[in-house]
Amino acid sequence: MYGEFQKLDTVILGISPDNEASHQKFVDKFKIPFPLLCDPGKKLMTKYEAFGEKKMYGKVTMGVIRSTVWVGPDGKVRKHWRKVAKAADHPAKVLETLQAAAE
C-alpha cells in the first residue's frame, strides 16, 4: 500500500516519544518503509493532539493517541483523523481520501 501513497507524491512520517533505538527495532520488526521521528518532549505530538489524556483499560492516563494528520504542500492541515481505533483499516481510509482529493 505504501507504493500507492508514493504515486500520489505523499510523504509519510511517523512520530512517537520513543528513542531512535526503539524506532529502529519497530521498523525492523514491522518492515516500516517510512521515517519515524522522535519527539521525546512530546511537543509536536501535543500540538497535533497525538499525545494527551486518554482512557486505557477504564483508567484515565496520559499517552500516545493514535492519529493521522494530512498536511498539504502549503503547510496547512487538510484533514485530521483523531483517535484512530483500527490501525489495520486506517491506511486504506487515508489513501481513499487522498485519491479523491487528487481527482
C-alpha atoms as a PDB file:
ATOM      1  CA  MET A   1       0.000   0.000   0.000  1.00  0.00           C
ATOM      2  CA  TYR A   2       2.950   2.345   0.606  1.00  0.00           C
ATOM      3  CA  GLY A   3       3.518   2.412  -3.154  1.00  0.00           C
ATOM      4  CA  GLU A   4       0.018   3.788  -3.670  1.00  0.00           C
ATOM      5  CA  PHE A   5       0.811   6.691  -1.362  1.00  0.00           C
ATOM      6  CA  GLN A   6       4.064   7.303  -3.255  1.00  0.00           C
ATOM      7  CA  LYS A   7       2.153   7.503  -6.545  1.00  0.00           C
ATOM      8  CA  LEU A   8       0.265  10.426  -5.011  1.00  0.00           C
ATOM      9  CA  ASP A   9       3.573  12.114  -4.126  1.00  0.00           C
ATOM     10  CA  THR A  10       2.751  11.711  -0.429  1.00  0.00           C
ATOM     11  CA  VAL A  11       5.389  11.891   2.296  1.00  0.00           C
ATOM     12  CA  ILE A  12       4.596   9.681   5.278  1.00  0.00           C
ATOM     13  CA  LEU A  13       6.242  10.245   8.650  1.00  0.00           C
ATOM     14  CA  GLY A  14       5.607   8.504  11.929  1.00  0.00           C
ATOM     15  CA  ILE A  15       6.246  10.174  15.250  1.00  0.00           C
ATOM     16  CA  SER A  16       6.419   8.973  18.832  1.00  0.00           C
ATOM     17  CA  PRO A  17       8.132   9.901  22.080  1.00  0.00           C
ATOM     18  CA  ASP A  18      10.330   6.800  21.822  1.00  0.00           C
ATOM     19  CA  ASN A  19      14.062   6.992  21.149  1.00  0.00           C
ATOM     20  CA  GLU A  20      15.901   6.184  17.933  1.00  0.00           C
ATOM     21  CA  ALA A  21      16.898   2.663  19.033  1.00  0.00           C
ATOM     22  CA  SER A  22      13.282   1.832  19.832  1.00  0.00           C
ATOM     23  CA  HIS A  23      12.182   3.173  16.460  1.00  0.00           C
ATOM     24  CA  GLN A  24      14.768   1.073  14.651  1.00  0.00           C
ATOM     25  CA  LYS A  25      13.514  -2.081  16.365  1.00  0.00           C
ATOM     26  CA  PHE A  26       9.947  -1.159  15.376  1.00  0.00           C
ATOM     27  CA  VAL A  27      10.993  -0.506  11.764  1.00  0.00           C
ATOM     28  CA  ASP A  28      12.838  -3.818  11.589  1.00  0.00           C
ATOM     29  CA  LYS A  29      10.029  -5.814  13.192  1.00  0.00           C
ATOM     30  CA  PHE A  30       7.180  -4.373  11.124  1.00  0.00           C
ATOM     31  CA  LYS A  31       9.141  -3.516   7.926  1.00  0.00           C
ATOM     32  CA  ILE A  32       8.114   0.149   8.105  1.00  0.00           C
ATOM     33  CA  PRO A  33       9.116   1.827   4.802  1.00  0.00           C
ATOM     34  CA  PHE A  34       8.940   5.438   6.029  1.00  0.00           C
ATOM     35  CA  PRO A  35      10.876   7.516   8.582  1.00  0.00           C
ATOM     36  CA  LEU A  36       9.917   7.595  12.243  1.00  0.00           C
ATOM     37  CA  LEU A  37      10.617  10.823  14.115  1.00  0.00           C
ATOM     38  CA  CYS A  38      11.487  11.092  17.807  1.00  0.00           C
ATOM     39  CA  ASP A  39       9.546  13.589  19.918  1.00  0.00           C
ATOM     40  CA  PRO A  40      10.782  12.880  23.461  1.00  0.00           C
ATOM     41  CA  GLY A  41       9.349  16.154  24.773  1.00  0.00           C
ATOM     42  CA  LYS A  42       6.014  15.371  23.095  1.00  0.00           C
ATOM     43  CA  LYS A  43       5.744  18.967  21.865  1.00  0.00           C
ATOM     44  CA  LEU A  44       4.769  18.201  18.268  1.00  0.00           C
ATOM     45  CA  MET A  45       2.571  15.302  19.313  1.00  0.00           C
ATOM     46  CA  THR A  46       0.718  17.513  21.789  1.00  0.00           C
ATOM     47  CA  LYS A  47       0.279  20.223  19.150  1.00  0.00           C
ATOM     48  CA  TYR A  48      -1.405  17.716  16.826  1.00  0.00           C
ATOM     49  CA  GLU A  49      -3.428  16.130  19.655  1.00  0.00           C
ATOM     50  CA  ALA A  50      -1.495  12.865  19.307  1.00  0.00           C
ATOM     51  CA  PHE A  51      -0.448  12.891  22.955  1.00  0.00           C
ATOM     52  CA  GLY A  52      -2.650  13.666  25.885  1.00  0.00           C
ATOM     53  CA  GLU A  53      -5.311  12.360  28.204  1.00  0.00           C
ATOM     54  CA  LYS A  54      -6.959   9.114  27.153  1.00  0.00           C
ATOM     55  CA  LYS A  55      -8.787   6.152  28.618  1.00  0.00           C
ATOM     56  CA  MET A  56      -6.981   2.834  28.753  1.00  0.00           C
ATOM     57  CA  TYR A  57      -8.497  -0.221  30.419  1.00  0.00           C
ATOM     58  CA  GLY A  58     -11.068   2.032  32.066  1.00  0.00           C
ATOM     59  CA  LYS A  59      -8.481   4.359  33.585  1.00  0.00           C
ATOM     60  CA  VAL A  60      -7.641   7.904  32.543  1.00  0.00           C
ATOM     61  CA  THR A  61      -3.962   8.219  31.682  1.00  0.00           C
ATOM     62  CA  MET A  62      -1.590  10.341  29.614  1.00  0.00           C
ATOM     63  CA  GLY A  63      -0.237   8.706  26.484  1.00  0.00           C
ATOM     64  CA  VAL A  64       0.007   8.465  22.718  1.00  0.00           C
ATOM     65  CA  ILE A  65      -3.304   8.978  20.918  1.00  0.00           C
ATOM     66  CA  ARG A  66      -3.130   7.230  17.560  1.00  0.00           C
ATOM     67  CA  SER A  67      -3.804   9.929  14.979  1.00  0.00           C
ATOM     68  CA  THR A  68      -3.129  10.850  11.377  1.00  0.00           C
ATOM     69  CA  VAL A  69      -2.677  14.389  10.142  1.00  0.00           C
ATOM     70  CA  TRP A  70      -2.724  15.232   6.440  1.00  0.00           C
ATOM     71  CA  VAL A  71      -0.673  18.359   5.862  1.00  0.00           C
ATOM     72  CA  GLY A  72      -0.896  19.820   2.384  1.00  0.00           C
ATOM     73  CA  PRO A  73       2.022  21.191   0.350  1.00  0.00           C
ATOM     74  CA  ASP A  74       1.093  24.655   1.653  1.00  0.00           C
ATOM     75  CA  GLY A  75       1.728  23.505   5.246  1.00  0.00           C
ATOM     76  CA  LYS A  76      -1.943  23.681   6.214  1.00  0.00           C
ATOM     77  CA  VAL A  77      -3.771  20.790   7.858  1.00  0.00           C
ATOM     78  CA  ARG A  78      -6.180  19.341   5.314  1.00  0.00           C
ATOM     79  CA  LYS A  79      -7.658  16.581   7.485  1.00  0.00           C
ATOM     80  CA  HIS A  80      -7.102  15.248  10.976  1.00  0.00           C
ATOM     81  CA  TRP A  81      -8.098  11.708  11.894  1.00  0.00           C
ATOM     82  CA  ARG A  82      -8.198  11.682  15.701  1.00  0.00           C
ATOM     83  CA  LYS A  83      -8.267   8.656  17.977  1.00  0.00           C
ATOM     84  CA  VAL A  84      -7.793   6.064  15.230  1.00  0.00           C
ATOM     85  CA  ALA A  85      -9.371   2.870  16.571  1.00  0.00           C
ATOM     86  CA  LYS A  86      -8.445   0.265  13.952  1.00  0.00           C
ATOM     87  CA  ALA A  87      -4.879   0.738  12.786  1.00  0.00           C
ATOM     88  CA  ALA A  88      -5.119  -2.106  10.261  1.00  0.00           C
ATOM     89  CA  ASP A  89      -8.010  -0.475   8.351  1.00  0.00           C
ATOM     90  CA  HIS A  90      -6.870   3.105   8.673  1.00  0.00           C
ATOM     91  CA  PRO A  91      -4.278   3.415   5.860  1.00  0.00           C
ATOM     92  CA  ALA A  92      -6.892   2.418   3.270  1.00  0.00           C
ATOM     93  CA  LYS A  93      -9.232   5.152   4.520  1.00  0.00           C
ATOM     94  CA  VAL A  94      -6.465   7.746   4.338  1.00  0.00           C
ATOM     95  CA  LEU A  95      -5.471   6.595   0.850  1.00  0.00           C
ATOM     96  CA  GLU A  96      -9.080   6.835  -0.314  1.00  0.00           C
ATOM     97  CA  THR A  97      -9.275  10.420   0.948  1.00  0.00           C
ATOM     98  CA  LEU A  98      -6.022  11.374  -0.787  1.00  0.00           C
ATOM     99  CA  GLN A  99      -7.055   9.710  -4.054  1.00  0.00           C
ATOM    100  CA  ALA A 100     -10.400  11.533  -4.030  1.00  0.00           C
ATOM    101  CA  ALA A 101      -8.619  14.842  -3.465  1.00  0.00           C
ATOM    102  CA  ALA A 102      -6.244  14.157  -6.365  1.00  0.00           C
ATOM    103  CA  GLU A 103      -9.086  13.717  -8.863  1.00  0.00           C
END
